[in-house]
Amino acid sequence: MNRVRSCWLLFTSLAVAVMAFGALAQPPAGPKVKGTRIQGRVVRVKAPNQFLVRTAENKELVLYVSPHTKYLLKNRAAQFGNLREGAVVTAYYEEAEGRNVVSSVTFVEAVPAPVQPPDERPVKPAPPVGKKPAPVEKKPTPDEGAEEVGKEVQIKGVITSVGDEPSRVTVTMADGKGTLLYLDTKRAVTVRYVMKAGKKVVSAIVFGEKPAPEEKAPAPEGKAPAPQGKPPAPVGKDPAPVAKPPAPAEETALQGTVVKVLEGNQLVVRLVTGREMVLYAQPQTTQFQDLRAGMNVRFTYAMQGRRAVVRQIFDASKGVK
């Protein structure tokens, strides 16, 4: 009887020990995930917070993530950037404000990130040994234009604006395009003008000296030279008068504003181009004492050495000074 009781107690103790060990070995149950479970393949990812999943039943569903969404990839934390087309995922979502908001995403089959191919550029073949490469013709860019440095270019148009500092004019051509031109204020000019409505309107501006006449090529050998000039007038008739070219103007006429009157018969005038000019009086010219700063004057002068000597000076309201 005692032996039976001892065996029963031993069997009961072993059973209790086995049950206790099994309870300790079993991991604690994790928190229950809330929401609807869905598993499918990612069809499209649209940043920054949504992606489209197609289930095995060919049903498509748009899912939205939130800052609280958790991502799990191979038992490690992942992120939204790991979602790519073709990946198989399991997600839990809940409907909120008309959207399917995901609380967790588990990657069943992940798609690796695409590998950026190397930048392959065509390699130019090396020139043969002993031969120089052919020169490459350089084409002018739109900003450079086709004009060469130091080469004079002639354009035809209408002056649409004038500016100073630096002195410049804008010429608009027939095609409507404007060209900005800068004036060389250090060069001497010859100005021609006509009076219109009491104003001196410029008709021509010549910079520097007149160009020399072109030399004519000699006549070929064996041919008589071409007759030069007009044939002589018939006998008994007076020859037609030959018009003489006008003598070059020694005086230059300009207009400007008096800046200040200096001692020693000197006057500073600012021209319409913005350039200031120092004028000198001569014995036959009235002195500058009656002129004041700010007066609009017209004057003629001639260069004597490096000095601009005034011949006549006028005030727009008082006449000759």
Protein backbone atom coordinates (compact mmCIF):
# COMPACT_ATOMS: atom_id res chain seq x y z
CA MET A 1 0.00 0.00 0.00
CA ASN A 2 2.81 2.39 0.85
CA ARG A 3 4.56 1.47 -2.37
CA VAL A 4 1.48 2.32 -4.47
CA ARG A 5 1.09 5.64 -2.69
CA SER A 6 4.75 6.48 -3.26
CA CYS A 7 4.50 5.69 -7.00
CA TRP A 8 1.40 7.85 -7.31
CA LEU A 9 3.09 10.81 -5.62
CA LEU A 10 6.15 10.40 -7.86
CA PHE A 11 4.01 10.29 -11.03
CA THR A 12 2.06 13.36 -9.93
CA SER A 13 5.25 15.33 -9.20
CA LEU A 14 6.70 14.49 -12.65
CA ALA A 15 3.50 15.60 -14.38
CA VAL A 16 3.48 18.91 -12.54
CA ALA A 17 7.16 19.47 -13.37
CA VAL A 18 6.62 18.77 -17.08
CA MET A 19 3.66 21.18 -17.25
CA ALA A 20 5.61 23.90 -15.45
CA PHE A 21 8.61 23.46 -17.76
CA GLY A 22 6.37 23.67 -20.84
CA ALA A 23 4.80 26.88 -19.59
CA LEU A 24 8.23 28.43 -19.02
CA ALA A 25 9.53 27.34 -22.43
CA GLN A 26 6.58 28.85 -24.34
CA PRO A 27 7.25 32.53 -25.29
CA PRO A 28 4.81 35.09 -24.03
CA ALA A 29 2.06 36.00 -26.47
CA GLY A 30 2.75 39.30 -28.27
CA PRO A 31 0.26 42.09 -28.46
CA LYS A 32 -2.57 41.49 -30.88
CA VAL A 33 -2.37 43.51 -34.12
CA LYS A 34 -5.55 45.43 -34.82
CA GLY A 35 -7.09 45.90 -38.24
CA THR A 36 -7.76 43.93 -41.40
CA ARG A 37 -5.04 41.67 -42.73
CA ILE A 38 -4.12 41.75 -46.42
CA GLN A 39 -1.37 40.01 -48.34
CA GLY A 40 -0.40 40.73 -51.94
CA ARG A 41 2.15 42.09 -54.38
CA VAL A 42 3.05 45.78 -54.56
CA VAL A 43 1.94 47.13 -57.95
CA ARG A 44 2.83 50.80 -57.59
CA VAL A 45 4.48 53.02 -54.97
CA LYS A 46 3.53 56.68 -54.86
CA ALA A 47 5.56 58.86 -52.52
CA PRO A 48 5.36 60.01 -49.90
CA ASN A 49 2.67 57.93 -48.16
CA GLN A 50 0.74 55.48 -50.38
CA PHE A 51 1.15 52.27 -52.36
CA LEU A 52 -1.09 49.89 -54.33
CA VAL A 53 -1.35 46.17 -53.49
CA ARG A 54 -2.88 43.41 -55.66
CA THR A 55 -4.02 40.28 -53.80
CA ALA A 56 -4.06 36.68 -55.04
CA GLU A 57 -7.75 37.18 -55.86
CA ASN A 58 -6.67 39.98 -58.30
CA LYS A 59 -8.15 42.63 -56.01
CA GLU A 60 -6.33 45.95 -55.82
CA LEU A 61 -6.32 48.15 -52.75
CA VAL A 62 -4.69 51.53 -52.10
CA LEU A 63 -2.98 51.68 -48.68
CA TYR A 64 -1.74 54.77 -46.84
CA VAL A 65 1.06 54.83 -44.28
CA SER A 66 1.46 57.16 -41.31
CA PRO A 67 4.35 58.20 -39.08
CA HIS A 68 3.29 55.38 -36.71
CA THR A 69 3.45 52.62 -39.36
CA LYS A 70 5.98 49.88 -38.55
CA TYR A 71 7.97 48.01 -41.23
CA LEU A 72 9.60 44.60 -40.76
CA LEU A 73 12.07 43.05 -43.22
CA LYS A 74 13.76 39.73 -42.28
CA ASN A 75 13.04 40.33 -38.58
CA ARG A 76 14.63 43.77 -38.79
CA ALA A 77 13.15 47.23 -38.86
CA ALA A 78 12.69 48.67 -42.34
CA GLN A 79 11.25 51.87 -43.81
CA PHE A 80 8.92 53.15 -46.52
CA GLY A 81 11.81 53.36 -48.98
CA ASN A 82 12.06 49.53 -49.01
CA LEU A 83 8.64 49.32 -50.71
CA ARG A 84 9.19 48.63 -54.41
CA GLU A 85 7.13 47.28 -57.25
CA GLY A 86 7.02 43.47 -57.18
CA ALA A 87 7.54 43.04 -53.43
CA VAL A 88 5.13 40.70 -51.59
CA VAL A 89 3.95 42.14 -48.26
CA THR A 90 1.52 41.43 -45.46
CA ALA A 91 -0.17 44.52 -44.05
CA TYR A 92 -2.71 45.37 -41.36
CA TYR A 93 -4.88 48.40 -41.95
CA GLU A 94 -7.85 50.26 -40.55
CA GLU A 95 -10.22 52.61 -42.32
CA ALA A 96 -9.95 56.22 -41.12
CA GLU A 97 -11.47 59.26 -42.82
CA GLY A 98 -12.06 57.34 -46.03
CA ARG A 99 -8.50 55.98 -46.21
CA ASN A 100 -7.00 52.56 -45.51
CA VAL A 101 -4.30 53.51 -42.99
CA VAL A 102 -1.65 50.82 -42.44
CA SER A 103 -0.37 50.08 -38.95
CA SER A 104 2.26 47.47 -39.91
CA VAL A 105 3.93 46.12 -43.06
CA THR A 106 5.84 42.82 -43.15
CA PHE A 107 7.93 41.97 -46.21
CA VAL A 108 7.42 38.39 -47.41
CA GLU A 109 9.45 38.80 -50.60
CA ALA A 110 11.55 41.95 -50.88
CA VAL A 111 12.82 43.45 -54.13
CA PRO A 112 16.44 44.65 -54.04
CA ALA A 113 17.25 48.25 -54.92
CA PRO A 114 18.06 48.78 -58.62
CA VAL A 115 21.76 49.04 -59.40
CA GLN A 116 22.75 52.30 -61.12
CA PRO A 117 24.62 51.42 -64.33
CA PRO A 118 27.99 53.09 -64.77
CA ASP A 119 28.17 56.20 -66.90
CA GLU A 120 29.34 54.84 -70.23
CA ARG A 121 30.64 57.48 -72.56
CA PRO A 122 31.97 56.75 -76.03
CA VAL A 123 35.74 56.74 -76.11
CA LYS A 124 37.29 58.49 -79.07
CA PRO A 125 39.84 56.31 -80.86
CA ALA A 126 43.41 57.45 -80.51
CA PRO A 127 45.00 58.85 -83.68
CA PRO A 128 47.50 56.59 -85.46
CA VAL A 129 51.08 56.84 -84.32
CA GLY A 130 53.06 59.34 -86.37
CA LYS A 131 50.01 61.28 -87.61
CA LYS A 132 48.70 64.49 -86.15
CA PRO A 133 44.99 64.67 -85.38
CA ALA A 134 42.95 66.72 -87.82
CA PRO A 135 42.14 70.20 -86.51
CA VAL A 136 38.63 70.56 -85.16
CA GLU A 137 36.73 73.51 -86.58
CA LYS A 138 35.44 75.69 -83.78
CA LYS A 139 31.91 76.91 -84.33
CA PRO A 140 30.96 80.21 -82.72
CA THR A 141 28.46 79.98 -79.91
CA PRO A 142 25.30 82.16 -79.99
CA ASP A 143 26.79 84.42 -77.28
CA GLU A 144 30.08 84.94 -79.15
CA GLY A 145 28.55 85.78 -82.53
CA ALA A 146 30.42 85.69 -85.81
CA GLU A 147 32.10 89.11 -85.50
CA GLU A 148 35.89 89.26 -85.25
CA VAL A 149 37.74 91.48 -82.82
CA GLY A 150 38.94 94.71 -84.48
CA LYS A 151 36.87 94.18 -87.64
CA GLU A 152 34.52 97.00 -88.56
CA VAL A 153 30.91 95.98 -89.12
CA GLN A 154 28.36 98.26 -90.77
CA ILE A 155 24.71 98.18 -89.75
CA LYS A 156 21.71 100.29 -90.76
CA GLY A 157 18.86 101.20 -88.47
CA VAL A 158 17.20 103.84 -86.30
CA ILE A 159 18.59 105.25 -83.03
CA THR A 160 16.02 104.32 -80.39
CA SER A 161 17.83 105.30 -77.18
CA VAL A 162 20.88 107.22 -75.95
CA GLY A 163 22.63 106.73 -72.60
CA ASP A 164 25.72 107.93 -70.75
CA GLU A 165 28.31 106.57 -68.26
CA PRO A 166 29.43 104.97 -70.50
CA SER A 167 28.24 106.79 -73.61
CA ARG A 168 26.15 104.44 -75.72
CA VAL A 169 23.34 104.31 -78.25
CA THR A 170 20.87 101.60 -79.20
CA VAL A 171 20.23 101.09 -82.92
CA THR A 172 17.14 99.12 -83.97
CA MET A 173 17.40 97.48 -87.39
CA ALA A 174 14.67 96.63 -89.89
CA ASP A 175 14.15 93.15 -88.42
CA GLY A 176 13.30 94.67 -85.04
CA LYS A 177 16.51 93.57 -83.31
CA GLY A 178 18.37 96.18 -81.29
CA THR A 179 22.15 96.50 -81.12
CA LEU A 180 23.88 98.27 -78.21
CA LEU A 181 26.84 100.39 -79.42
CA TYR A 182 29.39 102.21 -77.25
CA LEU A 183 30.94 105.56 -78.23
CA ASP A 184 34.67 106.25 -78.00
CA THR A 185 34.63 109.63 -76.24
CA LYS A 186 38.40 110.05 -76.67
CA ARG A 187 38.26 110.33 -80.46
CA ALA A 188 37.72 113.58 -82.34
CA VAL A 189 34.50 113.79 -84.32
CA THR A 190 33.05 115.97 -87.07
CA VAL A 191 29.34 116.67 -86.64
CA ARG A 192 26.96 117.89 -89.34
CA TYR A 193 23.56 119.26 -88.41
CA VAL A 194 20.59 121.17 -89.79
CA MET A 195 18.27 123.64 -88.07
CA LYS A 196 14.74 122.32 -87.56
CA ALA A 197 12.19 124.19 -85.42
CA GLY A 198 14.95 126.13 -83.69
CA LYS A 199 16.92 123.00 -82.85
CA LYS A 200 20.17 121.70 -84.28
CA VAL A 201 19.40 118.21 -85.54
CA VAL A 202 22.44 116.00 -86.27
CA SER A 203 22.58 114.75 -89.85
CA ALA A 204 26.00 113.05 -89.83
CA ILE A 205 28.79 112.15 -87.41
CA VAL A 206 32.28 111.30 -88.71
CA PHE A 207 34.88 109.86 -86.34
CA GLY A 208 38.54 110.63 -87.02
CA GLU A 209 39.93 111.42 -90.45
CA LYS A 210 38.26 110.56 -93.73
CA PRO A 211 39.46 107.26 -95.24
CA ALA A 212 41.98 107.52 -98.06
CA PRO A 213 40.63 106.81 -101.57
CA GLU A 214 41.07 103.27 -102.79
CA GLU A 215 43.93 102.66 -105.22
CA LYS A 216 42.87 101.39 -108.63
CA ALA A 217 44.46 98.24 -109.96
CA PRO A 218 46.80 98.75 -112.97
CA ALA A 219 45.43 97.83 -116.40
CA PRO A 220 46.52 94.45 -117.83
CA GLU A 221 49.45 94.43 -120.24
CA GLY A 222 48.57 94.71 -123.92
CA LYS A 223 45.45 96.78 -123.28
CA ALA A 224 45.18 100.52 -123.52
CA PRO A 225 44.44 102.19 -120.21
CA ALA A 226 40.87 103.34 -119.76
CA PRO A 227 40.37 107.05 -120.39
CA GLN A 228 40.34 109.05 -117.22
CA GLY A 229 38.18 112.08 -116.68
CA LYS A 230 35.69 113.62 -119.07
CA PRO A 231 36.49 114.16 -122.80
CA PRO A 232 37.49 117.70 -123.76
CA ALA A 233 34.67 120.09 -124.61
CA PRO A 234 33.99 120.75 -128.31
CA VAL A 235 35.82 123.68 -129.89
CA GLY A 236 33.86 126.91 -129.70
CA LYS A 237 32.07 125.99 -126.45
CA ASP A 238 33.08 126.96 -122.98
CA PRO A 239 33.89 124.01 -120.72
CA ALA A 240 31.31 123.21 -118.08
CA PRO A 241 32.20 124.50 -114.65
CA VAL A 242 33.64 121.87 -112.38
CA ALA A 243 32.17 121.85 -108.88
CA LYS A 244 34.86 122.11 -106.25
CA PRO A 245 34.54 119.91 -103.16
CA PRO A 246 33.76 121.85 -100.00
CA ALA A 247 36.75 122.64 -97.85
CA PRO A 248 36.93 120.58 -94.67
CA ALA A 249 35.41 122.33 -91.69
CA GLU A 250 37.99 123.70 -89.32
CA GLU A 251 35.50 124.57 -86.64
CA THR A 252 33.31 122.14 -84.73
CA ALA A 253 29.89 123.07 -83.34
CA LEU A 254 28.59 121.41 -80.17
CA GLN A 255 26.05 121.99 -77.44
CA GLY A 256 26.22 121.40 -73.71
CA THR A 257 25.67 122.65 -70.18
CA VAL A 258 28.11 124.86 -68.27
CA VAL A 259 29.53 122.99 -65.27
CA LYS A 260 31.89 125.69 -63.92
CA VAL A 261 33.97 128.70 -64.97
CA LEU A 262 37.67 128.47 -64.10
CA GLU A 263 40.30 131.15 -63.79
CA GLY A 264 42.54 131.87 -66.73
CA ASN A 265 39.70 132.05 -69.28
CA GLN A 266 38.77 128.38 -68.98
CA LEU A 267 35.30 126.84 -69.07
CA VAL A 268 34.06 123.31 -68.30
CA VAL A 269 31.05 122.15 -70.36
CA ARG A 270 29.20 118.80 -70.14
CA LEU A 271 28.12 117.62 -73.59
CA VAL A 272 24.86 115.82 -74.38
CA THR A 273 26.83 112.54 -74.43
CA GLY A 274 27.79 113.08 -70.77
CA ARG A 275 31.46 113.83 -71.47
CA GLU A 276 32.97 116.92 -69.90
CA MET A 277 35.12 119.22 -72.04
CA VAL A 278 37.49 122.06 -71.07
CA LEU A 279 37.30 125.11 -73.37
CA TYR A 280 39.83 127.94 -73.65
CA ALA A 281 39.12 131.57 -74.64
CA GLN A 282 41.11 133.48 -77.24
CA PRO A 283 41.76 137.26 -77.46
CA GLN A 284 39.00 137.89 -80.01
CA THR A 285 36.45 135.94 -77.95
CA THR A 286 34.47 137.64 -75.21
CA GLN A 287 35.48 136.54 -71.73
CA PHE A 288 33.51 133.90 -69.81
CA GLN A 289 32.62 136.06 -66.80
CA ASP A 290 28.94 136.38 -67.80
CA LEU A 291 28.45 132.59 -67.98
CA ARG A 292 27.10 130.68 -64.98
CA ALA A 293 26.88 127.01 -64.07
CA GLY A 294 23.76 125.32 -65.40
CA MET A 295 23.42 127.49 -68.53
CA ASN A 296 22.68 125.69 -71.80
CA VAL A 297 25.17 126.96 -74.39
CA ARG A 298 26.06 126.34 -78.01
CA PHE A 299 29.60 126.95 -79.17
CA THR A 300 32.08 126.49 -81.97
CA TYR A 301 35.72 125.67 -81.36
CA ALA A 302 38.91 124.70 -83.14
CA MET A 303 41.75 122.56 -81.88
CA GLN A 304 45.04 124.39 -81.38
CA GLY A 305 47.53 121.81 -80.26
CA ARG A 306 45.78 119.97 -77.46
CA ARG A 307 43.47 122.85 -76.52
CA ALA A 308 39.90 123.43 -77.67
CA VAL A 309 39.84 127.19 -78.34
CA VAL A 310 36.39 128.78 -78.51
CA ARG A 311 35.53 130.86 -81.56
CA GLN A 312 31.93 131.68 -80.66
CA ILE A 313 29.65 130.77 -77.77
CA PHE A 314 25.89 131.29 -77.56
CA ASP A 315 23.26 131.19 -74.86
CA ALA A 316 19.89 129.73 -75.87
CA SER A 317 18.01 132.69 -74.37
CA LYS A 318 20.38 135.67 -74.67
CA GLY A 319 22.20 135.19 -77.96
CA VAL A 320 25.93 135.73 -78.53
CA LYS A 321 28.15 135.91 -75.46
